Amino acid sequence: MDFGLGLLTFGTLGFVAVFGYINARETEKRRKQGGPKSALSRDGALERLARMQTPAE
């Protein structure tokens, strides 16, 4: 019983750590590429408004 509980505990912690690491890498890669920002952030909303006000070519 103790072995199974330890396995589940450390397996879950390991999964969360790996998932967090992968998420951080992807976030940093997107930030470096200069992709569009979230519409929920202040600078993202301003970026979208500025894009809408400029005439399309």
PDB file of N, CA and C in Angstrom:
ATOM      1  N   MET A   1       0.814  -1.194   0.000  1.00  0.00           N
ATOM      2  CA  MET A   1       0.000   0.000   0.000  1.00  0.00           C
ATOM      3  C   MET A   1       0.860   1.261   0.000  1.00  0.00           C
ATOM      4  N   ASP A   2       1.895   1.272   0.809  1.00  0.00           N
ATOM      5  CA  ASP A   2       2.764   2.447   0.875  1.00  0.00           C
ATOM      6  C   ASP A   2       3.510   2.669  -0.434  1.00  0.00           C
ATOM      7  N   PHE A   3       3.894   1.567  -1.074  1.00  0.00           N
ATOM      8  CA  PHE A   3       4.615   1.695  -2.341  1.00  0.00           C
ATOM      9  C   PHE A   3       3.714   2.327  -3.407  1.00  0.00           C
ATOM     10  N   GLY A   4       2.470   1.887  -3.476  1.00  0.00           N
ATOM     11  CA  GLY A   4       1.526   2.430  -4.452  1.00  0.00           C
ATOM     12  C   GLY A   4       1.226   3.899  -4.207  1.00  0.00           C
ATOM     13  N   LEU A   5       1.095   4.259  -2.957  1.00  0.00           N
ATOM     14  CA  LEU A   5       0.829   5.651  -2.606  1.00  0.00           C
ATOM     15  C   LEU A   5       2.027   6.533  -2.972  1.00  0.00           C
ATOM     16  N   GLY A   6       3.224   6.055  -2.708  1.00  0.00           N
ATOM     17  CA  GLY A   6       4.433   6.802  -3.077  1.00  0.00           C
ATOM     18  C   GLY A   6       4.564   6.938  -4.582  1.00  0.00           C
ATOM     19  N   LEU A   7       4.248   5.865  -5.291  1.00  0.00           N
ATOM     20  CA  LEU A   7       4.328   5.891  -6.745  1.00  0.00           C
ATOM     21  C   LEU A   7       3.340   6.900  -7.330  1.00  0.00           C
ATOM     22  N   LEU A   8       2.125   6.897  -6.821  1.00  0.00           N
ATOM     23  CA  LEU A   8       1.129   7.847  -7.302  1.00  0.00           C
ATOM     24  C   LEU A   8       1.510   9.285  -6.949  1.00  0.00           C
ATOM     25  N   THR A   9       2.029   9.470  -5.748  1.00  0.00           N
ATOM     26  CA  THR A   9       2.395  10.816  -5.305  1.00  0.00           C
ATOM     27  C   THR A   9       3.515  11.377  -6.162  1.00  0.00           C
ATOM     28  N   PHE A  10       4.609  10.631  -6.281  1.00  0.00           N
ATOM     29  CA  PHE A  10       5.756  11.132  -7.038  1.00  0.00           C
ATOM     30  C   PHE A  10       5.510  11.108  -8.537  1.00  0.00           C
ATOM     31  N   GLY A  11       4.649  10.201  -8.993  1.00  0.00           N
ATOM     32  CA  GLY A  11       4.274  10.198 -10.399  1.00  0.00           C
ATOM     33  C   GLY A  11       3.486  11.449 -10.763  1.00  0.00           C
ATOM     34  N   THR A  12       2.578  11.839  -9.896  1.00  0.00           N
ATOM     35  CA  THR A  12       1.798  13.054 -10.123  1.00  0.00           C
ATOM     36  C   THR A  12       2.686  14.287 -10.071  1.00  0.00           C
ATOM     37  N   LEU A  13       3.557  14.353  -9.067  1.00  0.00           N
ATOM     38  CA  LEU A  13       4.477  15.491  -8.964  1.00  0.00           C
ATOM     39  C   LEU A  13       5.403  15.562 -10.180  1.00  0.00           C
ATOM     40  N   GLY A  14       5.867  14.427 -10.633  1.00  0.00           N
ATOM     41  CA  GLY A  14       6.722  14.397 -11.810  1.00  0.00           C
ATOM     42  C   GLY A  14       5.990  14.856 -13.056  1.00  0.00           C
ATOM     43  N   PHE A  15       4.757  14.425 -13.216  1.00  0.00           N
ATOM     44  CA  PHE A  15       3.961  14.835 -14.367  1.00  0.00           C
ATOM     45  C   PHE A  15       3.743  16.338 -14.358  1.00  0.00           C
ATOM     46  N   VAL A  16       3.410  16.899 -13.205  1.00  0.00           N
ATOM     47  CA  VAL A  16       3.176  18.335 -13.097  1.00  0.00           C
ATOM     48  C   VAL A  16       4.456  19.107 -13.407  1.00  0.00           C
ATOM     49  N   ALA A  17       5.589  18.624 -12.924  1.00  0.00           N
ATOM     50  CA  ALA A  17       6.865  19.297 -13.180  1.00  0.00           C
ATOM     51  C   ALA A  17       7.210  19.272 -14.667  1.00  0.00           C
ATOM     52  N   VAL A  18       7.029  18.134 -15.315  1.00  0.00           N
ATOM     53  CA  VAL A  18       7.327  18.022 -16.744  1.00  0.00           C
ATOM     54  C   VAL A  18       6.362  18.878 -17.561  1.00  0.00           C
ATOM     55  N   PHE A  19       5.095  18.861 -17.213  1.00  0.00           N
ATOM     56  CA  PHE A  19       4.105  19.667 -17.917  1.00  0.00           C
ATOM     57  C   PHE A  19       4.418  21.156 -17.774  1.00  0.00           C
ATOM     58  N   GLY A  20       4.796  21.580 -16.579  1.00  0.00           N
ATOM     59  CA  GLY A  20       5.163  22.976 -16.355  1.00  0.00           C
ATOM     60  C   GLY A  20       6.397  23.380 -17.142  1.00  0.00           C
ATOM     61  N   TYR A  21       7.377  22.497 -17.217  1.00  0.00           N
ATOM     62  CA  TYR A  21       8.600  22.778 -17.975  1.00  0.00           C
ATOM     63  C   TYR A  21       8.295  22.934 -19.462  1.00  0.00           C
ATOM     64  N   ILE A  22       7.489  22.036 -20.002  1.00  0.00           N
ATOM     65  CA  ILE A  22       7.136  22.102 -21.423  1.00  0.00           C
ATOM     66  C   ILE A  22       6.334  23.369 -21.705  1.00  0.00           C
ATOM     67  N   ASN A  23       5.415  23.703 -20.818  1.00  0.00           N
ATOM     68  CA  ASN A  23       4.616  24.908 -20.986  1.00  0.00           C
ATOM     69  C   ASN A  23       5.497  26.158 -20.951  1.00  0.00           C
ATOM     70  N   ALA A  24       6.464  26.202 -20.058  1.00  0.00           N
ATOM     71  CA  ALA A  24       7.364  27.354 -19.972  1.00  0.00           C
ATOM     72  C   ALA A  24       8.205  27.487 -21.242  1.00  0.00           C
ATOM     73  N   ARG A  25       8.672  26.371 -21.785  1.00  0.00           N
ATOM     74  CA  ARG A  25       9.455  26.418 -23.029  1.00  0.00           C
ATOM     75  C   ARG A  25       8.628  26.939 -24.188  1.00  0.00           C
ATOM     76  N   GLU A  26       7.401  26.464 -24.328  1.00  0.00           N
ATOM     77  CA  GLU A  26       6.528  26.913 -25.411  1.00  0.00           C
ATOM     78  C   GLU A  26       6.180  28.392 -25.264  1.00  0.00           C
ATOM     79  N   THR A  27       5.936  28.831 -24.035  1.00  0.00           N
ATOM     80  CA  THR A  27       5.618  30.239 -23.798  1.00  0.00           C
ATOM     81  C   THR A  27       6.797  31.120 -24.175  1.00  0.00           C
ATOM     82  N   GLU A  28       7.996  30.711 -23.790  1.00  0.00           N
ATOM     83  CA  GLU A  28       9.189  31.498 -24.117  1.00  0.00           C
ATOM     84  C   GLU A  28       9.420  31.528 -25.629  1.00  0.00           C
ATOM     85  N   LYS A  29       9.168  30.417 -26.310  1.00  0.00           N
ATOM     86  CA  LYS A  29       9.345  30.374 -27.758  1.00  0.00           C
ATOM     87  C   LYS A  29       8.368  31.322 -28.450  1.00  0.00           C
ATOM     88  N   ARG A  30       7.116  31.340 -27.994  1.00  0.00           N
ATOM     89  CA  ARG A  30       6.124  32.248 -28.580  1.00  0.00           C
ATOM     90  C   ARG A  30       6.470  33.702 -28.298  1.00  0.00           C
ATOM     91  N   ARG A  31       7.006  33.974 -27.110  1.00  0.00           N
ATOM     92  CA  ARG A  31       7.371  35.339 -26.764  1.00  0.00           C
ATOM     93  C   ARG A  31       8.515  35.836 -27.653  1.00  0.00           C
ATOM     94  N   LYS A  32       9.467  34.967 -27.947  1.00  0.00           N
ATOM     95  CA  LYS A  32      10.601  35.349 -28.794  1.00  0.00           C
ATOM     96  C   LYS A  32      10.184  35.537 -30.253  1.00  0.00           C
ATOM     97  N   GLN A  33       9.170  34.797 -30.704  1.00  0.00           N
ATOM     98  CA  GLN A  33       8.706  34.917 -32.081  1.00  0.00           C
ATOM     99  C   GLN A  33       7.934  36.210 -32.302  1.00  0.00           C
ATOM    100  N   GLY A  34       7.455  36.813 -31.243  1.00  0.00           N
ATOM    101  CA  GLY A  34       6.721  38.069 -31.370  1.00  0.00           C
ATOM    102  C   GLY A  34       5.328  37.885 -31.920  1.00  0.00           C
ATOM    103  N   GLY A  35       4.670  36.829 -31.552  1.00  0.00           N
ATOM    104  CA  GLY A  35       3.317  36.568 -32.016  1.00  0.00           C
ATOM    105  C   GLY A  35       2.314  37.517 -31.400  1.00  0.00           C
ATOM    106  N   PRO A  36       1.056  37.374 -31.756  1.00  0.00           N
ATOM    107  CA  PRO A  36       0.023  38.268 -31.220  1.00  0.00           C
ATOM    108  C   PRO A  36      -0.137  38.070 -29.715  1.00  0.00           C
ATOM    109  N   LYS A  37      -0.420  39.157 -29.041  1.00  0.00           N
ATOM    110  CA  LYS A  37      -0.616  39.106 -27.596  1.00  0.00           C
ATOM    111  C   LYS A  37      -2.066  38.795 -27.287  1.00  0.00           C
ATOM    112  N   SER A  38      -2.328  38.454 -26.060  1.00  0.00           N
ATOM    113  CA  SER A  38      -3.680  38.141 -25.619  1.00  0.00           C
ATOM    114  C   SER A  38      -4.554  39.385 -25.685  1.00  0.00           C
ATOM    115  N   ALA A  39      -5.782  39.220 -26.112  1.00  0.00           N
ATOM    116  CA  ALA A  39      -6.718  40.339 -26.165  1.00  0.00           C
ATOM    117  C   ALA A  39      -7.136  40.774 -24.767  1.00  0.00           C
ATOM    118  N   LEU A  40      -6.866  39.949 -23.765  1.00  0.00           N
ATOM    119  CA  LEU A  40      -7.231  40.282 -22.396  1.00  0.00           C
ATOM    120  C   LEU A  40      -6.221  41.218 -21.741  1.00  0.00           C
ATOM    121  N   SER A  41      -4.998  41.280 -22.271  1.00  0.00           N
ATOM    122  CA  SER A  41      -3.999  42.172 -21.685  1.00  0.00           C
ATOM    123  C   SER A  41      -4.167  43.575 -22.252  1.00  0.00           C
ATOM    124  N   ARG A  42      -3.707  44.561 -21.495  1.00  0.00           N
ATOM    125  CA  ARG A  42      -3.872  45.954 -21.915  1.00  0.00           C
ATOM    126  C   ARG A  42      -3.104  46.227 -23.216  1.00  0.00           C
ATOM    127  N   ASP A  43      -1.853  45.798 -23.283  1.00  0.00           N
ATOM    128  CA  ASP A  43      -1.077  46.065 -24.494  1.00  0.00           C
ATOM    129  C   ASP A  43      -1.574  45.243 -25.682  1.00  0.00           C
ATOM    130  N   GLY A  44      -2.133  44.067 -25.426  1.00  0.00           N
ATOM    131  CA  GLY A  44      -2.709  43.277 -26.514  1.00  0.00           C
ATOM    132  C   GLY A  44      -3.943  43.935 -27.096  1.00  0.00           C
ATOM    133  N   ALA A  45      -4.775  44.504 -26.232  1.00  0.00           N
ATOM    134  CA  ALA A  45      -5.977  45.200 -26.707  1.00  0.00           C
ATOM    135  C   ALA A  45      -5.587  46.444 -27.501  1.00  0.00           C
ATOM    136  N   LEU A  46      -4.594  47.181 -27.022  1.00  0.00           N
ATOM    137  CA  LEU A  46      -4.134  48.367 -27.745  1.00  0.00           C
ATOM    138  C   LEU A  46      -3.523  47.989 -29.097  1.00  0.00           C
ATOM    139  N   GLU A  47      -2.826  46.877 -29.121  1.00  0.00           N
ATOM    140  CA  GLU A  47      -2.235  46.400 -30.375  1.00  0.00           C
ATOM    141  C   GLU A  47      -3.325  46.077 -31.395  1.00  0.00           C
ATOM    142  N   ARG A  48      -4.385  45.432 -30.962  1.00  0.00           N
ATOM    143  CA  ARG A  48      -5.483  45.090 -31.874  1.00  0.00           C
ATOM    144  C   ARG A  48      -6.238  46.329 -32.339  1.00  0.00           C
ATOM    145  N   LEU A  49      -6.455  47.284 -31.444  1.00  0.00           N
ATOM    146  CA  LEU A  49      -7.133  48.518 -31.837  1.00  0.00           C
ATOM    147  C   LEU A  49      -6.305  49.298 -32.856  1.00  0.00           C
ATOM    148  N   ALA A  50      -5.005  49.350 -32.663  1.00  0.00           N
ATOM    149  CA  ALA A  50      -4.138  50.049 -33.610  1.00  0.00           C
ATOM    150  C   ALA A  50      -4.152  49.347 -34.963  1.00  0.00           C
ATOM    151  N   ARG A  51      -4.199  48.027 -34.958  1.00  0.00           N
ATOM    152  CA  ARG A  51      -4.232  47.272 -36.213  1.00  0.00           C
ATOM    153  C   ARG A  51      -5.546  47.488 -36.951  1.00  0.00           C
ATOM    154  N   MET A  52      -6.641  47.646 -36.213  1.00  0.00           N
ATOM    155  CA  MET A  52      -7.932  47.864 -36.839  1.00  0.00           C
ATOM    156  C   MET A  52      -8.063  49.272 -37.409  1.00  0.00           C
ATOM    157  N   GLN A  53      -7.361  50.252 -36.842  1.00  0.00           N
ATOM    158  CA  GLN A  53      -7.469  51.631 -37.284  1.00  0.00           C
ATOM    159  C   GLN A  53      -6.612  51.919 -38.513  1.00  0.00           C
ATOM    160  N   THR A  54      -5.581  51.130 -38.756  1.00  0.00           N
ATOM    161  CA  THR A  54      -4.757  51.362 -39.932  1.00  0.00           C
ATOM    162  C   THR A  54      -5.427  50.717 -41.134  1.00  0.00           C
ATOM    163  N   PRO A  55      -5.417  51.385 -42.295  1.00  0.00           N
ATOM    164  CA  PRO A  55      -6.063  50.813 -43.473  1.00  0.00           C
ATOM    165  C   PRO A  55      -5.319  49.582 -43.981  1.00  0.00           C
ATOM    166  N   ALA A  56      -6.068  48.609 -44.417  1.00  0.00           N
ATOM    167  CA  ALA A  56      -5.480  47.383 -44.947  1.00  0.00           C
ATOM    168  C   ALA A  56      -4.890  47.655 -46.320  1.00  0.00           C
ATOM    169  N   GLU A  57      -3.802  47.021 -46.592  1.00  0.00           N
ATOM    170  CA  GLU A  57      -3.145  47.210 -47.903  1.00  0.00           C
ATOM    171  C   GLU A  57      -3.543  46.156 -48.868  1.00  0.00           C
TER     172      GLU A  57
END
